[in-house]
Amino acid sequence: MRRRYVQILLLFFTFGYPPTWGSTAEPEEGPEPRTPNSIHSSAERTQDSLWLVGTRHLGYPSRYDPDKLPLQVMKHDWAEGWLDSDLDTFLDTNDPSIVTAVYVHGNRVDRGQVFQRGMLAYRALVRGLDDPQPIRFVVWSWPSTKRCGPLRDVRSKATRSDYDSYYLGTFLSRLNPQTRVGMYGFSYGSRVISGALHLVGGGKMLGLTVPDAQPKEERTAHAALMGAAMNNYWLLPGYRHGKALSQMDRLLVQYNPCDRILRMYRFAERRSRPQALGHAALPGLSALEDEASRIEQQNVCPQIGNNHDARFYFASPGVMNAVRQCVLWQ
């Protein structure tokens, strides 16, 4: 019993309670800090544009007019680092011929770490890429900083990831409908992406819908879910994120049955004992008919081992090659 108790505490300290147990998540105060230019390499692909879109200052979604959502936007300048910008400037770069790649980080990434983690995710994505075609890369920064008091921390994180599904879904709905979007996220970041696509597909979460969401006849989204901290059946029709697949032209699920943290995800709910998508993969593919052909599942245990850390994924050429092909529409 003592060992089981320790395991449950470790799970909750890492992921948080399910949304049904959660309380209203409070936003982090203040804008993203600028980072030293020393973390940027002069050998980067200067044809790419790098952006950060932040929601750390936002509270419950219903507080805001979705048409005037006050997202924080910054653009990376290869000489000067990260500079303040705005959403209109970002939307003015909507070129449908350029892939928009969005990375959503996981839990316990604070405001001071997000630039470094975002650059790490970007470099892992473009590592060895010889295609001169530019990429518009977006780091999605949400308030996953560890909070004072474990109870407050664990109750807010799962709920907050659902808030950001709404914010990301609203952001995606503002893009040019012809834009090819490739998204990849780790742990809770994968959950944010899945929920956002469900909302874009006309679904509802927290009693909210994305304004004017119209399911697209032409699927223009690719998604790579890395070590996803969400129930493994949520993407199936009729479940929590059941409309997400309708928006995806391709889905890559990277699951790790060796992940020592995701192995304990089943203790998150006392009755149903769900398995994490990032641990047990997506079940019931045979029932999805034609949608199953657009889904690839990759067991990354040989590359990642028992670790639950995005940096292990970024460091593996084999893992990131699969992500690259999916996210960049190769």
C-alpha atoms as a PDB file:
ATOM      1  CA  MET A   1       0.000   0.000   0.000  1.00  0.00           C
ATOM      2  CA  ARG A   2       2.809   2.394   0.784  1.00  0.00           C
ATOM      3  CA  ARG A   3       4.387   1.834  -2.620  1.00  0.00           C
ATOM      4  CA  ARG A   4       1.041   2.342  -4.370  1.00  0.00           C
ATOM      5  CA  TYR A   5       0.531   5.602  -2.449  1.00  0.00           C
ATOM      6  CA  VAL A   6       3.954   6.894  -3.497  1.00  0.00           C
ATOM      7  CA  GLN A   7       3.237   5.989  -7.127  1.00  0.00           C
ATOM      8  CA  ILE A   8      -0.065   7.856  -7.103  1.00  0.00           C
ATOM      9  CA  LEU A   9       1.552  10.935  -5.589  1.00  0.00           C
ATOM     10  CA  LEU A  10       4.279  10.854  -8.236  1.00  0.00           C
ATOM     11  CA  LEU A  11       1.671  10.650 -10.978  1.00  0.00           C
ATOM     12  CA  PHE A  12      -0.330  13.568  -9.608  1.00  0.00           C
ATOM     13  CA  PHE A  13       2.744  15.718  -9.031  1.00  0.00           C
ATOM     14  CA  THR A  14       3.735  15.146 -12.652  1.00  0.00           C
ATOM     15  CA  PHE A  15       0.428  15.423 -14.535  1.00  0.00           C
ATOM     16  CA  GLY A  16      -2.295  16.687 -12.230  1.00  0.00           C
ATOM     17  CA  TYR A  17      -5.814  15.533 -11.449  1.00  0.00           C
ATOM     18  CA  PRO A  18      -8.337  14.873 -14.195  1.00  0.00           C
ATOM     19  CA  PRO A  19     -10.320  17.954 -15.214  1.00  0.00           C
ATOM     20  CA  THR A  20     -13.409  16.776 -13.333  1.00  0.00           C
ATOM     21  CA  TRP A  21     -11.468  17.161 -10.087  1.00  0.00           C
ATOM     22  CA  GLY A  22      -9.864  20.425 -11.067  1.00  0.00           C
ATOM     23  CA  SER A  23     -10.291  23.984  -9.967  1.00  0.00           C
ATOM     24  CA  THR A  24      -9.987  27.177 -11.961  1.00  0.00           C
ATOM     25  CA  ALA A  25      -6.390  27.622 -13.063  1.00  0.00           C
ATOM     26  CA  GLU A  26      -4.882  31.005 -12.397  1.00  0.00           C
ATOM     27  CA  PRO A  27      -2.777  32.671 -15.083  1.00  0.00           C
ATOM     28  CA  GLU A  28       0.877  33.424 -14.625  1.00  0.00           C
ATOM     29  CA  GLU A  29       1.501  37.111 -14.228  1.00  0.00           C
ATOM     30  CA  GLY A  30       3.480  39.184 -16.689  1.00  0.00           C
ATOM     31  CA  PRO A  31       4.729  38.684 -20.232  1.00  0.00           C
ATOM     32  CA  GLU A  32       7.382  36.284 -21.399  1.00  0.00           C
ATOM     33  CA  PRO A  33      10.868  37.540 -20.517  1.00  0.00           C
ATOM     34  CA  ARG A  34      13.378  38.122 -23.289  1.00  0.00           C
ATOM     35  CA  THR A  35      16.210  35.646 -23.405  1.00  0.00           C
ATOM     36  CA  PRO A  36      19.916  36.156 -24.013  1.00  0.00           C
ATOM     37  CA  ASN A  37      20.906  35.915 -27.654  1.00  0.00           C
ATOM     38  CA  SER A  38      23.591  33.430 -26.651  1.00  0.00           C
ATOM     39  CA  ILE A  39      21.133  30.535 -26.836  1.00  0.00           C
ATOM     40  CA  HIS A  40      20.637  31.120 -30.566  1.00  0.00           C
ATOM     41  CA  SER A  41      23.004  29.658 -33.098  1.00  0.00           C
ATOM     42  CA  SER A  42      24.189  31.650 -36.093  1.00  0.00           C
ATOM     43  CA  ALA A  43      24.009  28.430 -38.113  1.00  0.00           C
ATOM     44  CA  GLU A  44      20.194  28.301 -38.024  1.00  0.00           C
ATOM     45  CA  ARG A  45      17.956  28.288 -41.104  1.00  0.00           C
ATOM     46  CA  THR A  46      17.456  32.033 -41.435  1.00  0.00           C
ATOM     47  CA  GLN A  47      14.747  31.516 -44.076  1.00  0.00           C
ATOM     48  CA  ASP A  48      12.469  30.227 -41.310  1.00  0.00           C
ATOM     49  CA  SER A  49      10.346  32.552 -39.190  1.00  0.00           C
ATOM     50  CA  LEU A  50      10.072  31.723 -35.486  1.00  0.00           C
ATOM     51  CA  TRP A  51       7.215  32.912 -33.304  1.00  0.00           C
ATOM     52  CA  LEU A  52       6.043  32.500 -29.729  1.00  0.00           C
ATOM     53  CA  VAL A  53       2.356  32.651 -28.869  1.00  0.00           C
ATOM     54  CA  GLY A  54       1.684  32.835 -25.140  1.00  0.00           C
ATOM     55  CA  THR A  55      -1.373  32.342 -22.942  1.00  0.00           C
ATOM     56  CA  ARG A  56       0.315  32.470 -19.529  1.00  0.00           C
ATOM     57  CA  HIS A  57      -1.439  35.715 -18.677  1.00  0.00           C
ATOM     58  CA  LEU A  58      -4.921  34.465 -19.618  1.00  0.00           C
ATOM     59  CA  GLY A  59      -7.575  33.119 -17.262  1.00  0.00           C
ATOM     60  CA  TYR A  60     -10.816  31.259 -17.951  1.00  0.00           C
ATOM     61  CA  PRO A  61     -11.701  31.414 -21.681  1.00  0.00           C
ATOM     62  CA  SER A  62     -15.200  32.836 -21.245  1.00  0.00           C
ATOM     63  CA  ARG A  63     -13.687  36.057 -19.894  1.00  0.00           C
ATOM     64  CA  TYR A  64     -12.490  37.076 -23.361  1.00  0.00           C
ATOM     65  CA  ASP A  65     -14.016  38.007 -26.674  1.00  0.00           C
ATOM     66  CA  PRO A  66     -12.769  35.201 -28.961  1.00  0.00           C
ATOM     67  CA  ASP A  67     -12.472  37.671 -31.847  1.00  0.00           C
ATOM     68  CA  LYS A  68     -10.134  39.817 -29.742  1.00  0.00           C
ATOM     69  CA  LEU A  69      -8.309  37.151 -27.788  1.00  0.00           C
ATOM     70  CA  PRO A  70      -5.336  38.934 -26.151  1.00  0.00           C
ATOM     71  CA  LEU A  71      -2.669  36.385 -27.006  1.00  0.00           C
ATOM     72  CA  GLN A  72       0.923  37.403 -26.386  1.00  0.00           C
ATOM     73  CA  VAL A  73       2.926  37.220 -29.611  1.00  0.00           C
ATOM     74  CA  MET A  74       6.684  37.508 -30.043  1.00  0.00           C
ATOM     75  CA  LYS A  75       8.851  37.055 -33.118  1.00  0.00           C
ATOM     76  CA  HIS A  76      12.416  35.858 -33.194  1.00  0.00           C
ATOM     77  CA  ASP A  77      14.971  38.065 -34.915  1.00  0.00           C
ATOM     78  CA  TRP A  78      18.134  36.190 -35.859  1.00  0.00           C
ATOM     79  CA  ALA A  79      20.267  39.154 -34.803  1.00  0.00           C
ATOM     80  CA  GLU A  80      18.360  40.589 -31.835  1.00  0.00           C
ATOM     81  CA  GLY A  81      16.538  37.623 -30.286  1.00  0.00           C
ATOM     82  CA  TRP A  82      12.867  37.624 -29.289  1.00  0.00           C
ATOM     83  CA  LEU A  83      10.960  40.846 -29.907  1.00  0.00           C
ATOM     84  CA  ASP A  84       7.388  41.849 -29.085  1.00  0.00           C
ATOM     85  CA  SER A  85       4.892  41.535 -31.921  1.00  0.00           C
ATOM     86  CA  ASP A  86       1.143  41.030 -32.312  1.00  0.00           C
ATOM     87  CA  LEU A  87      -1.332  38.566 -33.788  1.00  0.00           C
ATOM     88  CA  ASP A  88      -2.176  40.733 -36.805  1.00  0.00           C
ATOM     89  CA  THR A  89       1.484  40.806 -37.802  1.00  0.00           C
ATOM     90  CA  PHE A  90       1.630  37.027 -37.485  1.00  0.00           C
ATOM     91  CA  LEU A  91      -1.531  36.561 -39.548  1.00  0.00           C
ATOM     92  CA  ASP A  92      -0.120  38.813 -42.255  1.00  0.00           C
ATOM     93  CA  THR A  93       2.494  36.081 -42.857  1.00  0.00           C
ATOM     94  CA  ASN A  94      -0.244  33.564 -43.748  1.00  0.00           C
ATOM     95  CA  ASP A  95       1.279  32.034 -46.892  1.00  0.00           C
ATOM     96  CA  PRO A  96      -0.529  28.746 -47.656  1.00  0.00           C
ATOM     97  CA  SER A  97       2.549  27.431 -49.467  1.00  0.00           C
ATOM     98  CA  ILE A  98       4.541  27.505 -46.206  1.00  0.00           C
ATOM     99  CA  VAL A  99       3.992  24.876 -43.523  1.00  0.00           C
ATOM    100  CA  THR A 100       3.130  26.293 -40.084  1.00  0.00           C
ATOM    101  CA  ALA A 101       4.699  24.043 -37.439  1.00  0.00           C
ATOM    102  CA  VAL A 102       3.396  24.417 -33.872  1.00  0.00           C
ATOM    103  CA  TYR A 103       5.123  22.937 -30.824  1.00  0.00           C
ATOM    104  CA  VAL A 104       3.238  22.671 -27.499  1.00  0.00           C
ATOM    105  CA  HIS A 105       5.393  21.896 -24.460  1.00  0.00           C
ATOM    106  CA  GLY A 106       4.404  19.715 -21.515  1.00  0.00           C
ATOM    107  CA  ASN A 107       4.097  20.298 -17.776  1.00  0.00           C
ATOM    108  CA  ARG A 108       6.583  22.153 -15.566  1.00  0.00           C
ATOM    109  CA  VAL A 109       8.069  24.433 -18.204  1.00  0.00           C
ATOM    110  CA  ASP A 110       8.227  27.921 -16.729  1.00  0.00           C
ATOM    111  CA  ARG A 111       8.465  31.315 -18.409  1.00  0.00           C
ATOM    112  CA  GLY A 112      12.236  31.349 -18.185  1.00  0.00           C
ATOM    113  CA  GLN A 113      12.586  27.918 -19.810  1.00  0.00           C
ATOM    114  CA  VAL A 114      10.096  28.181 -22.643  1.00  0.00           C
ATOM    115  CA  PHE A 115      12.417  29.951 -25.104  1.00  0.00           C
ATOM    116  CA  GLN A 116      15.177  27.400 -24.614  1.00  0.00           C
ATOM    117  CA  ARG A 117      12.778  24.473 -24.843  1.00  0.00           C
ATOM    118  CA  GLY A 118      11.144  26.001 -27.894  1.00  0.00           C
ATOM    119  CA  MET A 119      14.482  26.426 -29.649  1.00  0.00           C
ATOM    120  CA  LEU A 120      15.400  22.862 -28.703  1.00  0.00           C
ATOM    121  CA  ALA A 121      12.159  21.618 -30.238  1.00  0.00           C
ATOM    122  CA  TYR A 122      12.787  23.691 -33.373  1.00  0.00           C
ATOM    123  CA  ARG A 123      16.360  22.488 -33.818  1.00  0.00           C
ATOM    124  CA  ALA A 124      15.314  18.872 -33.348  1.00  0.00           C
ATOM    125  CA  LEU A 125      12.631  19.326 -36.006  1.00  0.00           C
ATOM    126  CA  VAL A 126      14.915  20.852 -38.649  1.00  0.00           C
ATOM    127  CA  ARG A 127      18.040  18.838 -37.780  1.00  0.00           C
ATOM    128  CA  GLY A 128      19.534  17.567 -41.030  1.00  0.00           C
ATOM    129  CA  LEU A 129      16.776  19.173 -43.098  1.00  0.00           C
ATOM    130  CA  ASP A 130      18.150  20.181 -46.499  1.00  0.00           C
ATOM    131  CA  ASP A 131      14.880  21.514 -47.931  1.00  0.00           C
ATOM    132  CA  PRO A 132      15.325  25.273 -48.585  1.00  0.00           C
ATOM    133  CA  GLN A 133      11.547  25.837 -48.341  1.00  0.00           C
ATOM    134  CA  PRO A 134      10.939  28.149 -45.356  1.00  0.00           C
ATOM    135  CA  ILE A 135       8.958  27.083 -42.286  1.00  0.00           C
ATOM    136  CA  ARG A 136       6.810  29.205 -39.998  1.00  0.00           C
ATOM    137  CA  PHE A 137       7.514  27.775 -36.545  1.00  0.00           C
ATOM    138  CA  VAL A 138       5.373  28.582 -33.482  1.00  0.00           C
ATOM    139  CA  VAL A 139       6.134  27.809 -29.836  1.00  0.00           C
ATOM    140  CA  TRP A 140       2.875  27.616 -27.896  1.00  0.00           C
ATOM    141  CA  SER A 141       3.602  28.809 -24.357  1.00  0.00           C
ATOM    142  CA  TRP A 142       1.028  27.914 -21.711  1.00  0.00           C
ATOM    143  CA  PRO A 143       1.213  28.250 -17.905  1.00  0.00           C
ATOM    144  CA  SER A 144       2.659  24.915 -16.821  1.00  0.00           C
ATOM    145  CA  THR A 145       5.046  26.296 -14.184  1.00  0.00           C
ATOM    146  CA  LYS A 146       5.074  24.308 -10.947  1.00  0.00           C
ATOM    147  CA  ARG A 147       2.817  26.084  -8.461  1.00  0.00           C
ATOM    148  CA  CYS A 148       3.323  26.588  -4.739  1.00  0.00           C
ATOM    149  CA  GLY A 149       1.577  23.817  -2.870  1.00  0.00           C
ATOM    150  CA  PRO A 150       1.219  20.393  -4.478  1.00  0.00           C
ATOM    151  CA  LEU A 151      -2.569  20.350  -4.182  1.00  0.00           C
ATOM    152  CA  ARG A 152      -2.929  23.642  -6.035  1.00  0.00           C
ATOM    153  CA  ASP A 153      -0.453  22.511  -8.659  1.00  0.00           C
ATOM    154  CA  VAL A 154      -2.009  19.144  -9.440  1.00  0.00           C
ATOM    155  CA  ARG A 155      -5.576  20.436  -9.508  1.00  0.00           C
ATOM    156  CA  SER A 156      -4.869  23.277 -11.898  1.00  0.00           C
ATOM    157  CA  LYS A 157      -2.714  21.653 -14.596  1.00  0.00           C
ATOM    158  CA  ALA A 158      -5.161  19.182 -16.133  1.00  0.00           C
ATOM    159  CA  THR A 159      -7.882  21.827 -16.190  1.00  0.00           C
ATOM    160  CA  ARG A 160      -5.514  24.388 -17.666  1.00  0.00           C
ATOM    161  CA  SER A 161      -4.599  22.099 -20.561  1.00  0.00           C
ATOM    162  CA  ASP A 162      -8.285  22.138 -21.536  1.00  0.00           C
ATOM    163  CA  TYR A 163      -8.312  25.936 -21.401  1.00  0.00           C
ATOM    164  CA  ASP A 164      -5.414  25.973 -23.822  1.00  0.00           C
ATOM    165  CA  SER A 165      -7.144  23.553 -26.146  1.00  0.00           C
ATOM    166  CA  TYR A 166      -9.738  26.302 -26.524  1.00  0.00           C
ATOM    167  CA  TYR A 167      -7.111  29.015 -26.995  1.00  0.00           C
ATOM    168  CA  LEU A 168      -5.165  26.952 -29.530  1.00  0.00           C
ATOM    169  CA  GLY A 169      -8.356  25.997 -31.365  1.00  0.00           C
ATOM    170  CA  THR A 170      -9.357  29.655 -31.595  1.00  0.00           C
ATOM    171  CA  PHE A 171      -5.863  30.514 -32.863  1.00  0.00           C
ATOM    172  CA  LEU A 172      -6.035  27.787 -35.528  1.00  0.00           C
ATOM    173  CA  SER A 173      -9.434  29.027 -36.666  1.00  0.00           C
ATOM    174  CA  ARG A 174      -7.832  32.401 -37.511  1.00  0.00           C
ATOM    175  CA  LEU A 175      -5.341  30.900 -39.958  1.00  0.00           C
ATOM    176  CA  ASN A 176      -5.815  30.852 -43.706  1.00  0.00           C
ATOM    177  CA  PRO A 177      -8.020  27.766 -44.335  1.00  0.00           C
ATOM    178  CA  GLN A 178      -5.527  26.520 -46.929  1.00  0.00           C
ATOM    179  CA  THR A 179      -2.566  26.660 -44.540  1.00  0.00           C
ATOM    180  CA  ARG A 180      -0.888  23.320 -43.965  1.00  0.00           C
ATOM    181  CA  VAL A 181      -0.469  23.032 -40.210  1.00  0.00           C
ATOM    182  CA  GLY A 182       1.804  20.516 -38.499  1.00  0.00           C
ATOM    183  CA  MET A 183       1.661  20.255 -34.715  1.00  0.00           C
ATOM    184  CA  TYR A 184       3.659  18.264 -32.222  1.00  0.00           C
ATOM    185  CA  GLY A 185       3.420  18.222 -28.468  1.00  0.00           C
ATOM    186  CA  PHE A 186       4.735  16.328 -25.485  1.00  0.00           C
ATOM    187  CA  SER A 187       2.701  14.913 -22.589  1.00  0.00           C
ATOM    188  CA  TYR A 188       0.074  17.531 -21.698  1.00  0.00           C
ATOM    189  CA  GLY A 189       1.064  19.402 -24.866  1.00  0.00           C
ATOM    190  CA  SER A 190      -0.304  16.497 -26.907  1.00  0.00           C
ATOM    191  CA  ARG A 191      -3.546  16.755 -24.984  1.00  0.00           C
ATOM    192  CA  VAL A 192      -3.781  20.474 -25.791  1.00  0.00           C
ATOM    193  CA  ILE A 193      -3.353  19.723 -29.511  1.00  0.00           C
ATOM    194  CA  SER A 194      -5.899  16.908 -29.563  1.00  0.00           C
ATOM    195  CA  GLY A 195      -8.468  19.028 -27.739  1.00  0.00           C
ATOM    196  CA  ALA A 196      -7.875  21.993 -30.045  1.00  0.00           C
ATOM    197  CA  LEU A 197      -8.518  19.919 -33.167  1.00  0.00           C
ATOM    198  CA  HIS A 198     -11.651  18.487 -31.565  1.00  0.00           C
ATOM    199  CA  LEU A 199     -12.931  22.044 -31.071  1.00  0.00           C
ATOM    200  CA  VAL A 200     -11.966  23.110 -34.593  1.00  0.00           C
ATOM    201  CA  GLY A 201     -13.947  20.112 -35.820  1.00  0.00           C
ATOM    202  CA  GLY A 202     -17.083  21.476 -34.184  1.00  0.00           C
ATOM    203  CA  GLY A 203     -16.722  19.782 -30.808  1.00  0.00           C
ATOM    204  CA  LYS A 204     -17.305  21.211 -27.339  1.00  0.00           C
ATOM    205  CA  MET A 205     -15.148  21.332 -24.207  1.00  0.00           C
ATOM    206  CA  LEU A 206     -15.833  22.983 -20.851  1.00  0.00           C
ATOM    207  CA  GLY A 207     -19.179  23.951 -22.327  1.00  0.00           C
ATOM    208  CA  LEU A 208     -17.362  26.067 -24.936  1.00  0.00           C
ATOM    209  CA  THR A 209     -17.032  25.888 -28.700  1.00  0.00           C
ATOM    210  CA  VAL A 210     -14.666  27.664 -31.061  1.00  0.00           C
ATOM    211  CA  PRO A 211     -16.663  30.481 -32.700  1.00  0.00           C
ATOM    212  CA  ASP A 212     -17.662  29.787 -36.301  1.00  0.00           C
ATOM    213  CA  ALA A 213     -15.837  26.451 -36.281  1.00  0.00           C
ATOM    214  CA  GLN A 214     -16.654  24.666 -39.508  1.00  0.00           C
ATOM    215  CA  PRO A 215     -15.297  21.157 -40.086  1.00  0.00           C
ATOM    216  CA  LYS A 216     -13.071  21.342 -43.139  1.00  0.00           C
ATOM    217  CA  GLU A 217     -13.786  19.147 -46.126  1.00  0.00           C
ATOM    218  CA  GLU A 218     -10.077  19.293 -46.944  1.00  0.00           C
ATOM    219  CA  ARG A 219      -7.993  18.178 -43.970  1.00  0.00           C
ATOM    220  CA  THR A 220      -5.098  20.574 -43.479  1.00  0.00           C
ATOM    221  CA  ALA A 221      -3.627  19.410 -40.182  1.00  0.00           C
ATOM    222  CA  HIS A 222      -0.932  16.902 -39.277  1.00  0.00           C
ATOM    223  CA  ALA A 223      -0.293  16.056 -35.637  1.00  0.00           C
ATOM    224  CA  ALA A 224       2.419  14.135 -33.793  1.00  0.00           C
ATOM    225  CA  LEU A 225       1.493  13.245 -30.210  1.00  0.00           C
ATOM    226  CA  MET A 226       4.584  12.386 -28.175  1.00  0.00           C
ATOM    227  CA  GLY A 227       4.109  10.599 -24.854  1.00  0.00           C
ATOM    228  CA  ALA A 228       0.548  11.913 -24.663  1.00  0.00           C
ATOM    229  CA  ALA A 229      -0.889  12.325 -21.144  1.00  0.00           C
ATOM    230  CA  MET A 230      -4.525  11.733 -22.071  1.00  0.00           C
ATOM    231  CA  ASN A 231      -6.859   8.736 -22.022  1.00  0.00           C
ATOM    232  CA  ASN A 232      -5.957   6.475 -24.903  1.00  0.00           C
ATOM    233  CA  TYR A 233      -9.550   6.218 -26.210  1.00  0.00           C
ATOM    234  CA  TRP A 234     -10.394   9.940 -26.240  1.00  0.00           C
ATOM    235  CA  LEU A 235      -9.781  10.263 -30.001  1.00  0.00           C
ATOM    236  CA  LEU A 236     -12.365   7.614 -30.842  1.00  0.00           C
ATOM    237  CA  PRO A 237     -15.755   8.815 -32.138  1.00  0.00           C
ATOM    238  CA  GLY A 238     -18.134   9.841 -29.382  1.00  0.00           C
ATOM    239  CA  TYR A 239     -15.456  10.396 -26.760  1.00  0.00           C
ATOM    240  CA  ARG A 240     -13.852  13.513 -25.296  1.00  0.00           C
ATOM    241  CA  HIS A 241     -11.778  14.469 -28.387  1.00  0.00           C
ATOM    242  CA  GLY A 242     -13.855  12.480 -30.850  1.00  0.00           C
ATOM    243  CA  LYS A 243     -13.990  15.125 -33.591  1.00  0.00           C
ATOM    244  CA  ALA A 244     -10.233  15.686 -33.750  1.00  0.00           C
ATOM    245  CA  LEU A 245      -9.516  12.954 -36.307  1.00  0.00           C
ATOM    246  CA  SER A 246     -11.895  14.584 -38.784  1.00  0.00           C
ATOM    247  CA  GLN A 247      -9.460  17.515 -39.011  1.00  0.00           C
ATOM    248  CA  MET A 248      -6.279  15.486 -39.463  1.00  0.00           C
ATOM    249  CA  ASP A 249      -4.793  14.412 -42.737  1.00  0.00           C
ATOM    250  CA  ARG A 250      -2.221  12.465 -40.743  1.00  0.00           C
ATOM    251  CA  LEU A 251      -1.740  11.476 -37.089  1.00  0.00           C
ATOM    252  CA  LEU A 252       1.436  10.077 -35.547  1.00  0.00           C
ATOM    253  CA  VAL A 253       1.081   8.559 -32.077  1.00  0.00           C
ATOM    254  CA  GLN A 254       4.423   7.930 -30.383  1.00  0.00           C
ATOM    255  CA  TYR A 255       3.771   5.681 -27.413  1.00  0.00           C
ATOM    256  CA  ASN A 256       6.179   4.215 -24.907  1.00  0.00           C
ATOM    257  CA  PRO A 257       5.126   1.126 -22.901  1.00  0.00           C
ATOM    258  CA  CYS A 258       8.372   1.521 -20.930  1.00  0.00           C
ATOM    259  CA  ASP A 259       7.523   5.026 -19.659  1.00  0.00           C
ATOM    260  CA  ARG A 260       7.599   4.705 -15.877  1.00  0.00           C
ATOM    261  CA  ILE A 261       5.433   7.809 -15.349  1.00  0.00           C
ATOM    262  CA  LEU A 262       2.745   7.087 -17.928  1.00  0.00           C
ATOM    263  CA  ARG A 263       2.522   3.539 -16.612  1.00  0.00           C
ATOM    264  CA  MET A 264       0.905   5.028 -13.505  1.00  0.00           C
ATOM    265  CA  TYR A 265      -1.602   7.134 -15.424  1.00  0.00           C
ATOM    266  CA  ARG A 266      -4.258   4.484 -14.777  1.00  0.00           C
ATOM    267  CA  PHE A 267      -4.393   5.595 -11.138  1.00  0.00           C
ATOM    268  CA  ALA A 268      -5.662   9.022 -12.186  1.00  0.00           C
ATOM    269  CA  GLU A 269      -9.258   7.793 -12.083  1.00  0.00           C
ATOM    270  CA  ARG A 270     -10.431   5.441  -9.360  1.00  0.00           C
ATOM    271  CA  ARG A 271     -13.159   3.700 -11.336  1.00  0.00           C
ATOM    272  CA  SER A 272     -12.252   3.421 -15.001  1.00  0.00           C
ATOM    273  CA  ARG A 273      -8.460   2.938 -14.665  1.00  0.00           C
ATOM    274  CA  PRO A 274      -7.723   4.490 -18.100  1.00  0.00           C
ATOM    275  CA  GLN A 275      -4.450   3.954 -19.887  1.00  0.00           C
ATOM    276  CA  ALA A 276      -2.482   6.858 -21.299  1.00  0.00           C
ATOM    277  CA  LEU A 277      -2.341   7.259 -25.060  1.00  0.00           C
ATOM    278  CA  GLY A 278       1.414   7.798 -24.722  1.00  0.00           C
ATOM    279  CA  HIS A 279       1.780   4.458 -22.940  1.00  0.00           C
ATOM    280  CA  ALA A 280      -0.713   2.079 -24.533  1.00  0.00           C
ATOM    281  CA  ALA A 281      -1.387   3.592 -27.987  1.00  0.00           C
ATOM    282  CA  LEU A 282      -4.756   4.176 -29.640  1.00  0.00           C
ATOM    283  CA  PRO A 283      -7.121   1.161 -29.504  1.00  0.00           C
ATOM    284  CA  GLY A 284      -9.914   0.164 -31.853  1.00  0.00           C
ATOM    285  CA  LEU A 285      -8.312   1.192 -35.146  1.00  0.00           C
ATOM    286  CA  SER A 286     -10.360  -1.410 -36.999  1.00  0.00           C
ATOM    287  CA  ALA A 287     -13.536   0.481 -36.071  1.00  0.00           C
ATOM    288  CA  LEU A 288     -12.239   3.706 -37.619  1.00  0.00           C
ATOM    289  CA  GLU A 289     -12.460   2.380 -41.189  1.00  0.00           C
ATOM    290  CA  ASP A 290     -10.893   4.875 -43.650  1.00  0.00           C
ATOM    291  CA  GLU A 291      -9.575   7.117 -40.857  1.00  0.00           C
ATOM    292  CA  ALA A 292      -7.285   4.308 -39.677  1.00  0.00           C
ATOM    293  CA  SER A 293      -5.207   4.651 -42.848  1.00  0.00           C
ATOM    294  CA  ARG A 294      -4.177   8.144 -41.764  1.00  0.00           C
ATOM    295  CA  ILE A 295      -2.902   7.005 -38.359  1.00  0.00           C
ATOM    296  CA  GLU A 296       0.614   5.762 -37.650  1.00  0.00           C
ATOM    297  CA  GLN A 297       1.627   4.423 -34.243  1.00  0.00           C
ATOM    298  CA  GLN A 298       5.296   4.140 -33.273  1.00  0.00           C
ATOM    299  CA  ASN A 299       6.621   2.305 -30.239  1.00  0.00           C
ATOM    300  CA  VAL A 300       9.533   4.471 -29.055  1.00  0.00           C
ATOM    301  CA  CYS A 301      10.572   2.373 -26.058  1.00  0.00           C
ATOM    302  CA  PRO A 302      13.812   1.226 -27.765  1.00  0.00           C
ATOM    303  CA  GLN A 303      14.865   4.865 -28.247  1.00  0.00           C
ATOM    304  CA  ILE A 304      13.449   6.515 -25.108  1.00  0.00           C
ATOM    305  CA  GLY A 305      13.636   3.796 -22.476  1.00  0.00           C
ATOM    306  CA  ASN A 306      11.670   4.441 -19.272  1.00  0.00           C
ATOM    307  CA  ASN A 307      12.075   8.237 -19.425  1.00  0.00           C
ATOM    308  CA  HIS A 308       9.259  10.769 -19.571  1.00  0.00           C
ATOM    309  CA  ASP A 309      11.126  13.821 -20.810  1.00  0.00           C
ATOM    310  CA  ALA A 310      10.740  15.625 -24.138  1.00  0.00           C
ATOM    311  CA  ARG A 311      14.499  16.053 -24.408  1.00  0.00           C
ATOM    312  CA  PHE A 312      14.944  12.302 -24.889  1.00  0.00           C
ATOM    313  CA  TYR A 313      12.543  12.470 -27.840  1.00  0.00           C
ATOM    314  CA  PHE A 314      14.380  15.451 -29.317  1.00  0.00           C
ATOM    315  CA  ALA A 315      17.735  13.689 -28.996  1.00  0.00           C
ATOM    316  CA  SER A 316      16.654  10.580 -30.929  1.00  0.00           C
ATOM    317  CA  PRO A 317      17.177  10.849 -34.710  1.00  0.00           C
ATOM    318  CA  GLY A 318      14.774   7.974 -35.380  1.00  0.00           C
ATOM    319  CA  VAL A 319      11.997   9.453 -33.270  1.00  0.00           C
ATOM    320  CA  MET A 320      12.397  12.939 -34.676  1.00  0.00           C
ATOM    321  CA  ASN A 321      12.632  11.701 -38.253  1.00  0.00           C
ATOM    322  CA  ALA A 322       9.095  10.321 -37.912  1.00  0.00           C
ATOM    323  CA  VAL A 323       7.936  13.582 -36.299  1.00  0.00           C
ATOM    324  CA  ARG A 324       9.614  15.619 -39.042  1.00  0.00           C
ATOM    325  CA  GLN A 325       7.921  13.691 -41.842  1.00  0.00           C
ATOM    326  CA  CYS A 326       4.535  14.142 -40.205  1.00  0.00           C
ATOM    327  CA  VAL A 327       4.778  17.763 -39.019  1.00  0.00           C
ATOM    328  CA  LEU A 328       6.500  19.133 -42.129  1.00  0.00           C
ATOM    329  CA  TRP A 329       4.242  17.284 -44.545  1.00  0.00           C
ATOM    330  CA  GLN A 330       7.108  15.373 -46.114  1.00  0.00           C
END
